[in-house]
Amino acid sequence: MTPKGWHSRGYLPHYDSPETLQFLTFRLCDSLPEQAIEKLRLIASPIADADRDAFLDAGEGNCWLRDPAIAGIVQDALLHFDGERYGLIAWTVMPNHVHVLIEPIGAHTTGDIVGSWKRFSARMANRQLGRSGAFWQDDYWDTYIRNERHLESTIAYIENNPVKAGLVTEPADWPWGHARLRRQK
């Protein structure tokens, strides 16, 4: 599909452009309580991003991604088309959400990439969990990377999210993210 530039599917605006680094967050369907979603809708400022992240890090919902088998399914989906449809720069799979930094390759759009991850991982996770129905929240958050400083701070944010959430003490200790690969080298 052809990249669209600025577009929306009715809720969140997205920016799609070839070879533009994108910081993406997508979450499980039950990861934010209804009151949190309503509060975020009422806030029209950058504070909304910090509030959303705090709600997600609180570990609401079923947290299916806490299960190593399910987290592995999601991580494998992220890695599958690395170098073909996108360059995977950084990622972390948290208990109820995922952060990813990619560079789309060629005509592959961010929406198509995220849709592919979510469809495949939802089908496999639901099979593993013995359930059916919605797994991921419909939309995703995206931010295009503006400069080198923004890139560095985004990678640091992704790496440190498990530490900030109190899941590990060092980024490399989290098994479902790219930071552990630095330790292996």
C-alpha atoms as a PDB file:
ATOM      1  CA  MET A   1       0.000   0.000   0.000  1.00  0.00           C
ATOM      2  CA  THR A   2       1.193   3.541  -0.708  1.00  0.00           C
ATOM      3  CA  PRO A   3       2.233   5.673   2.296  1.00  0.00           C
ATOM      4  CA  LYS A   4      -0.435   8.284   3.000  1.00  0.00           C
ATOM      5  CA  GLY A   5       1.321  11.146   4.811  1.00  0.00           C
ATOM      6  CA  TRP A   6      -1.035  12.489   7.486  1.00  0.00           C
ATOM      7  CA  HIS A   7      -4.232  10.431   7.833  1.00  0.00           C
ATOM      8  CA  SER A   8      -6.711   9.171  10.397  1.00  0.00           C
ATOM      9  CA  ARG A   9      -9.048   6.237  10.797  1.00  0.00           C
ATOM     10  CA  GLY A  10     -11.388   8.378  12.861  1.00  0.00           C
ATOM     11  CA  TYR A  11      -9.622   8.452  16.225  1.00  0.00           C
ATOM     12  CA  LEU A  12      -5.863   9.052  16.231  1.00  0.00           C
ATOM     13  CA  PRO A  13      -3.971  10.964  13.537  1.00  0.00           C
ATOM     14  CA  HIS A  14      -1.076   9.048  11.953  1.00  0.00           C
ATOM     15  CA  TYR A  15       1.870  10.067   9.801  1.00  0.00           C
ATOM     16  CA  ASP A  16       3.005   7.581   7.181  1.00  0.00           C
ATOM     17  CA  SER A  17       6.036   8.247   5.015  1.00  0.00           C
ATOM     18  CA  PRO A  18       8.673   5.982   3.520  1.00  0.00           C
ATOM     19  CA  GLU A  19      11.914   5.742   5.476  1.00  0.00           C
ATOM     20  CA  THR A  20      10.600   7.855   8.370  1.00  0.00           C
ATOM     21  CA  LEU A  21      11.496   6.432  11.752  1.00  0.00           C
ATOM     22  CA  GLN A  22       8.337   5.711  13.745  1.00  0.00           C
ATOM     23  CA  PHE A  23       7.928   5.176  17.493  1.00  0.00           C
ATOM     24  CA  LEU A  24       4.849   2.983  17.953  1.00  0.00           C
ATOM     25  CA  THR A  25       2.852   1.887  20.971  1.00  0.00           C
ATOM     26  CA  PHE A  26       0.035  -0.610  20.812  1.00  0.00           C
ATOM     27  CA  ARG A  27      -1.772  -2.183  23.715  1.00  0.00           C
ATOM     28  CA  LEU A  28      -3.982  -5.043  24.772  1.00  0.00           C
ATOM     29  CA  CYS A  29      -7.724  -4.472  24.458  1.00  0.00           C
ATOM     30  CA  ASP A  30      -8.243  -4.329  28.235  1.00  0.00           C
ATOM     31  CA  SER A  31      -5.057  -2.482  29.243  1.00  0.00           C
ATOM     32  CA  LEU A  32      -6.655   0.861  30.086  1.00  0.00           C
ATOM     33  CA  PRO A  33      -9.671   1.118  32.382  1.00  0.00           C
ATOM     34  CA  GLU A  34     -12.634   3.029  30.948  1.00  0.00           C
ATOM     35  CA  GLN A  35     -12.075   5.985  33.311  1.00  0.00           C
ATOM     36  CA  ALA A  36      -8.472   6.289  32.070  1.00  0.00           C
ATOM     37  CA  ILE A  37      -9.600   6.303  28.449  1.00  0.00           C
ATOM     38  CA  GLU A  38     -12.159   9.022  29.190  1.00  0.00           C
ATOM     39  CA  LYS A  39      -9.580  11.129  31.042  1.00  0.00           C
ATOM     40  CA  LEU A  40      -7.151  10.844  28.112  1.00  0.00           C
ATOM     41  CA  ARG A  41      -9.857  11.909  25.654  1.00  0.00           C
ATOM     42  CA  LEU A  42     -10.452  15.081  27.675  1.00  0.00           C
ATOM     43  CA  ILE A  43      -6.776  16.070  27.812  1.00  0.00           C
ATOM     44  CA  ALA A  44      -5.544  17.796  24.665  1.00  0.00           C
ATOM     45  CA  SER A  45      -1.874  18.230  25.522  1.00  0.00           C
ATOM     46  CA  PRO A  46       1.442  16.364  25.614  1.00  0.00           C
ATOM     47  CA  ILE A  47       0.604  15.449  29.221  1.00  0.00           C
ATOM     48  CA  ALA A  48      -1.822  12.907  27.778  1.00  0.00           C
ATOM     49  CA  ASP A  49       1.132  10.810  26.560  1.00  0.00           C
ATOM     50  CA  ALA A  50       2.672  10.731  30.048  1.00  0.00           C
ATOM     51  CA  ASP A  51      -0.706   9.908  31.610  1.00  0.00           C
ATOM     52  CA  ARG A  52      -1.323   7.124  29.085  1.00  0.00           C
ATOM     53  CA  ASP A  53       2.102   5.646  29.780  1.00  0.00           C
ATOM     54  CA  ALA A  54       1.554   5.780  33.551  1.00  0.00           C
ATOM     55  CA  PHE A  55      -1.785   3.999  33.160  1.00  0.00           C
ATOM     56  CA  LEU A  56      -0.203   1.329  30.952  1.00  0.00           C
ATOM     57  CA  ASP A  57       2.754   0.817  33.292  1.00  0.00           C
ATOM     58  CA  ALA A  58       0.329   0.283  36.191  1.00  0.00           C
ATOM     59  CA  GLY A  59      -0.384  -3.133  34.610  1.00  0.00           C
ATOM     60  CA  GLU A  60      -4.154  -2.946  34.203  1.00  0.00           C
ATOM     61  CA  GLY A  61      -6.106  -5.716  32.523  1.00  0.00           C
ATOM     62  CA  ASN A  62      -5.273  -9.362  31.987  1.00  0.00           C
ATOM     63  CA  CYS A  63      -1.629  -8.628  31.090  1.00  0.00           C
ATOM     64  CA  TRP A  64      -1.481 -11.628  28.760  1.00  0.00           C
ATOM     65  CA  LEU A  65       1.969 -10.489  27.598  1.00  0.00           C
ATOM     66  CA  ARG A  66       3.334 -11.360  31.063  1.00  0.00           C
ATOM     67  CA  ASP A  67       3.129 -15.013  29.946  1.00  0.00           C
ATOM     68  CA  PRO A  68       6.522 -15.853  28.356  1.00  0.00           C
ATOM     69  CA  ALA A  69       4.855 -17.878  25.592  1.00  0.00           C
ATOM     70  CA  ILE A  70       2.626 -14.947  24.601  1.00  0.00           C
ATOM     71  CA  ALA A  71       5.437 -12.376  24.879  1.00  0.00           C
ATOM     72  CA  GLY A  72       7.533 -14.672  22.689  1.00  0.00           C
ATOM     73  CA  ILE A  73       4.807 -14.802  20.039  1.00  0.00           C
ATOM     74  CA  VAL A  74       4.710 -10.996  19.909  1.00  0.00           C
ATOM     75  CA  GLN A  75       8.493 -10.614  19.877  1.00  0.00           C
ATOM     76  CA  ASP A  76       8.800 -13.221  17.093  1.00  0.00           C
ATOM     77  CA  ALA A  77       6.179 -11.323  15.065  1.00  0.00           C
ATOM     78  CA  LEU A  78       8.199  -8.111  15.441  1.00  0.00           C
ATOM     79  CA  LEU A  79      11.402  -9.837  14.345  1.00  0.00           C
ATOM     80  CA  HIS A  80       9.874 -11.782  11.436  1.00  0.00           C
ATOM     81  CA  PHE A  81       9.975  -9.136   8.680  1.00  0.00           C
ATOM     82  CA  ASP A  82      12.898  -7.116  10.088  1.00  0.00           C
ATOM     83  CA  GLY A  83      15.059  -6.051   7.164  1.00  0.00           C
ATOM     84  CA  GLU A  84      12.328  -6.854   4.629  1.00  0.00           C
ATOM     85  CA  ARG A  85       9.315  -4.650   5.419  1.00  0.00           C
ATOM     86  CA  TYR A  86      10.956  -2.452   8.060  1.00  0.00           C
ATOM     87  CA  GLY A  87      14.149  -1.971   9.995  1.00  0.00           C
ATOM     88  CA  LEU A  88      13.504  -2.892  13.629  1.00  0.00           C
ATOM     89  CA  ILE A  89      15.576  -0.507  15.739  1.00  0.00           C
ATOM     90  CA  ALA A  90      14.252  -0.974  19.281  1.00  0.00           C
ATOM     91  CA  TRP A  91      11.381  -2.766  21.026  1.00  0.00           C
ATOM     92  CA  THR A  92      10.059  -3.941  24.332  1.00  0.00           C
ATOM     93  CA  VAL A  93       7.087  -6.177  25.039  1.00  0.00           C
ATOM     94  CA  MET A  94       5.550  -5.084  28.338  1.00  0.00           C
ATOM     95  CA  PRO A  95       2.836  -7.050  30.225  1.00  0.00           C
ATOM     96  CA  ASN A  96      -0.031  -5.132  28.552  1.00  0.00           C
ATOM     97  CA  HIS A  97       1.521  -3.067  25.759  1.00  0.00           C
ATOM     98  CA  VAL A  98       4.365  -2.958  23.228  1.00  0.00           C
ATOM     99  CA  HIS A  99       6.780  -0.179  22.244  1.00  0.00           C
ATOM    100  CA  VAL A 100       8.546  -0.407  18.882  1.00  0.00           C
ATOM    101  CA  LEU A 101      10.864   1.869  16.900  1.00  0.00           C
ATOM    102  CA  ILE A 102      10.988   1.039  13.192  1.00  0.00           C
ATOM    103  CA  GLU A 103      11.951   2.440   9.834  1.00  0.00           C
ATOM    104  CA  PRO A 104       9.467   1.272   7.169  1.00  0.00           C
ATOM    105  CA  ILE A 105      11.107   0.000   3.981  1.00  0.00           C
ATOM    106  CA  GLY A 106       9.816   0.810   0.508  1.00  0.00           C
ATOM    107  CA  ALA A 107       6.051   0.964   0.073  1.00  0.00           C
ATOM    108  CA  HIS A 108       5.272  -0.796   3.357  1.00  0.00           C
ATOM    109  CA  THR A 109       3.100   1.521   5.437  1.00  0.00           C
ATOM    110  CA  THR A 110       3.183   1.781   9.200  1.00  0.00           C
ATOM    111  CA  GLY A 111      -0.507   0.822   9.388  1.00  0.00           C
ATOM    112  CA  ASP A 112       0.050  -2.311   7.321  1.00  0.00           C
ATOM    113  CA  ILE A 113       3.080  -3.287   9.412  1.00  0.00           C
ATOM    114  CA  VAL A 114       1.292  -2.830  12.745  1.00  0.00           C
ATOM    115  CA  GLY A 115      -1.830  -4.537  11.379  1.00  0.00           C
ATOM    116  CA  SER A 116       0.226  -7.556  10.344  1.00  0.00           C
ATOM    117  CA  TRP A 117       1.868  -7.838  13.782  1.00  0.00           C
ATOM    118  CA  LYS A 118      -1.445  -7.497  15.571  1.00  0.00           C
ATOM    119  CA  ARG A 119      -3.406  -9.938  13.374  1.00  0.00           C
ATOM    120  CA  PHE A 120      -0.786 -12.666  13.538  1.00  0.00           C
ATOM    121  CA  SER A 121       0.023 -12.309  17.234  1.00  0.00           C
ATOM    122  CA  ALA A 122      -3.659 -12.066  18.240  1.00  0.00           C
ATOM    123  CA  ARG A 123      -4.506 -15.256  16.372  1.00  0.00           C
ATOM    124  CA  MET A 124      -1.549 -17.155  17.853  1.00  0.00           C
ATOM    125  CA  ALA A 125      -1.973 -15.748  21.380  1.00  0.00           C
ATOM    126  CA  ASN A 126      -5.702 -16.490  21.457  1.00  0.00           C
ATOM    127  CA  ARG A 127      -4.954 -20.043  20.326  1.00  0.00           C
ATOM    128  CA  GLN A 128      -2.303 -20.399  23.079  1.00  0.00           C
ATOM    129  CA  LEU A 129      -4.666 -18.936  25.696  1.00  0.00           C
ATOM    130  CA  GLY A 130      -7.644 -21.032  24.547  1.00  0.00           C
ATOM    131  CA  ARG A 131      -9.771 -17.951  24.006  1.00  0.00           C
ATOM    132  CA  SER A 132     -11.323 -15.960  21.168  1.00  0.00           C
ATOM    133  CA  GLY A 133     -12.256 -12.353  20.638  1.00  0.00           C
ATOM    134  CA  ALA A 134     -10.424  -9.055  20.741  1.00  0.00           C
ATOM    135  CA  PHE A 135      -6.823  -9.219  21.870  1.00  0.00           C
ATOM    136  CA  TRP A 136      -5.369  -5.815  20.867  1.00  0.00           C
ATOM    137  CA  GLN A 137      -6.956  -2.382  21.127  1.00  0.00           C
ATOM    138  CA  ASP A 138      -8.009  -1.260  17.637  1.00  0.00           C
ATOM    139  CA  ASP A 139      -5.652   1.668  17.073  1.00  0.00           C
ATOM    140  CA  TYR A 140      -2.035   2.455  17.923  1.00  0.00           C
ATOM    141  CA  TRP A 141      -0.033   5.536  18.879  1.00  0.00           C
ATOM    142  CA  ASP A 142       2.735   6.683  16.588  1.00  0.00           C
ATOM    143  CA  THR A 143       5.282   9.471  16.662  1.00  0.00           C
ATOM    144  CA  TYR A 144       7.700  10.128  13.847  1.00  0.00           C
ATOM    145  CA  ILE A 145      11.282  10.772  14.933  1.00  0.00           C
ATOM    146  CA  ARG A 146      12.281  14.376  14.292  1.00  0.00           C
ATOM    147  CA  ASN A 147      16.033  14.383  14.889  1.00  0.00           C
ATOM    148  CA  GLU A 148      18.985  12.546  16.444  1.00  0.00           C
ATOM    149  CA  ARG A 149      18.215  13.761  19.968  1.00  0.00           C
ATOM    150  CA  HIS A 150      14.609  12.548  19.670  1.00  0.00           C
ATOM    151  CA  LEU A 151      15.902   9.195  18.377  1.00  0.00           C
ATOM    152  CA  GLU A 152      18.260   8.761  21.333  1.00  0.00           C
ATOM    153  CA  SER A 153      15.614   9.700  23.905  1.00  0.00           C
ATOM    154  CA  THR A 154      13.083   7.335  22.286  1.00  0.00           C
ATOM    155  CA  ILE A 155      15.491   4.390  22.379  1.00  0.00           C
ATOM    156  CA  ALA A 156      16.288   5.183  26.019  1.00  0.00           C
ATOM    157  CA  TYR A 157      12.562   5.351  26.807  1.00  0.00           C
ATOM    158  CA  ILE A 158      11.906   1.969  25.180  1.00  0.00           C
ATOM    159  CA  GLU A 159      14.875   0.333  26.909  1.00  0.00           C
ATOM    160  CA  ASN A 160      14.024   1.766  30.325  1.00  0.00           C
ATOM    161  CA  ASN A 161      10.265   1.141  30.300  1.00  0.00           C
ATOM    162  CA  PRO A 162      10.567  -2.241  32.115  1.00  0.00           C
ATOM    163  CA  VAL A 163      12.810  -0.577  34.731  1.00  0.00           C
ATOM    164  CA  LYS A 164      10.425   2.367  35.175  1.00  0.00           C
ATOM    165  CA  ALA A 165       7.531  -0.076  35.602  1.00  0.00           C
ATOM    166  CA  GLY A 166       9.462  -1.929  38.339  1.00  0.00           C
ATOM    167  CA  LEU A 167       9.790  -5.187  36.386  1.00  0.00           C
ATOM    168  CA  VAL A 168      13.633  -5.329  36.378  1.00  0.00           C
ATOM    169  CA  THR A 169      16.508  -3.233  37.683  1.00  0.00           C
ATOM    170  CA  GLU A 170      18.501  -3.092  34.425  1.00  0.00           C
ATOM    171  CA  PRO A 171      17.135  -2.820  30.847  1.00  0.00           C
ATOM    172  CA  ALA A 172      19.254  -5.782  29.694  1.00  0.00           C
ATOM    173  CA  ASP A 173      17.540  -8.002  32.293  1.00  0.00           C
ATOM    174  CA  TRP A 174      14.163  -7.724  30.499  1.00  0.00           C
ATOM    175  CA  PRO A 175      13.822 -10.790  28.216  1.00  0.00           C
ATOM    176  CA  TRP A 176      11.317  -9.241  25.786  1.00  0.00           C
ATOM    177  CA  GLY A 177      13.246  -6.321  24.337  1.00  0.00           C
ATOM    178  CA  HIS A 178      16.260  -5.381  22.297  1.00  0.00           C
ATOM    179  CA  ALA A 179      18.345  -4.128  25.273  1.00  0.00           C
ATOM    180  CA  ARG A 180      19.163  -7.724  26.281  1.00  0.00           C
ATOM    181  CA  LEU A 181      20.878  -8.250  22.929  1.00  0.00           C
ATOM    182  CA  ARG A 182      23.520  -5.618  23.791  1.00  0.00           C
ATOM    183  CA  ARG A 183      24.575  -7.736  26.783  1.00  0.00           C
ATOM    184  CA  GLN A 184      24.888 -10.844  24.592  1.00  0.00           C
ATOM    185  CA  LYS A 185      27.406  -9.209  22.226  1.00  0.00           C
END
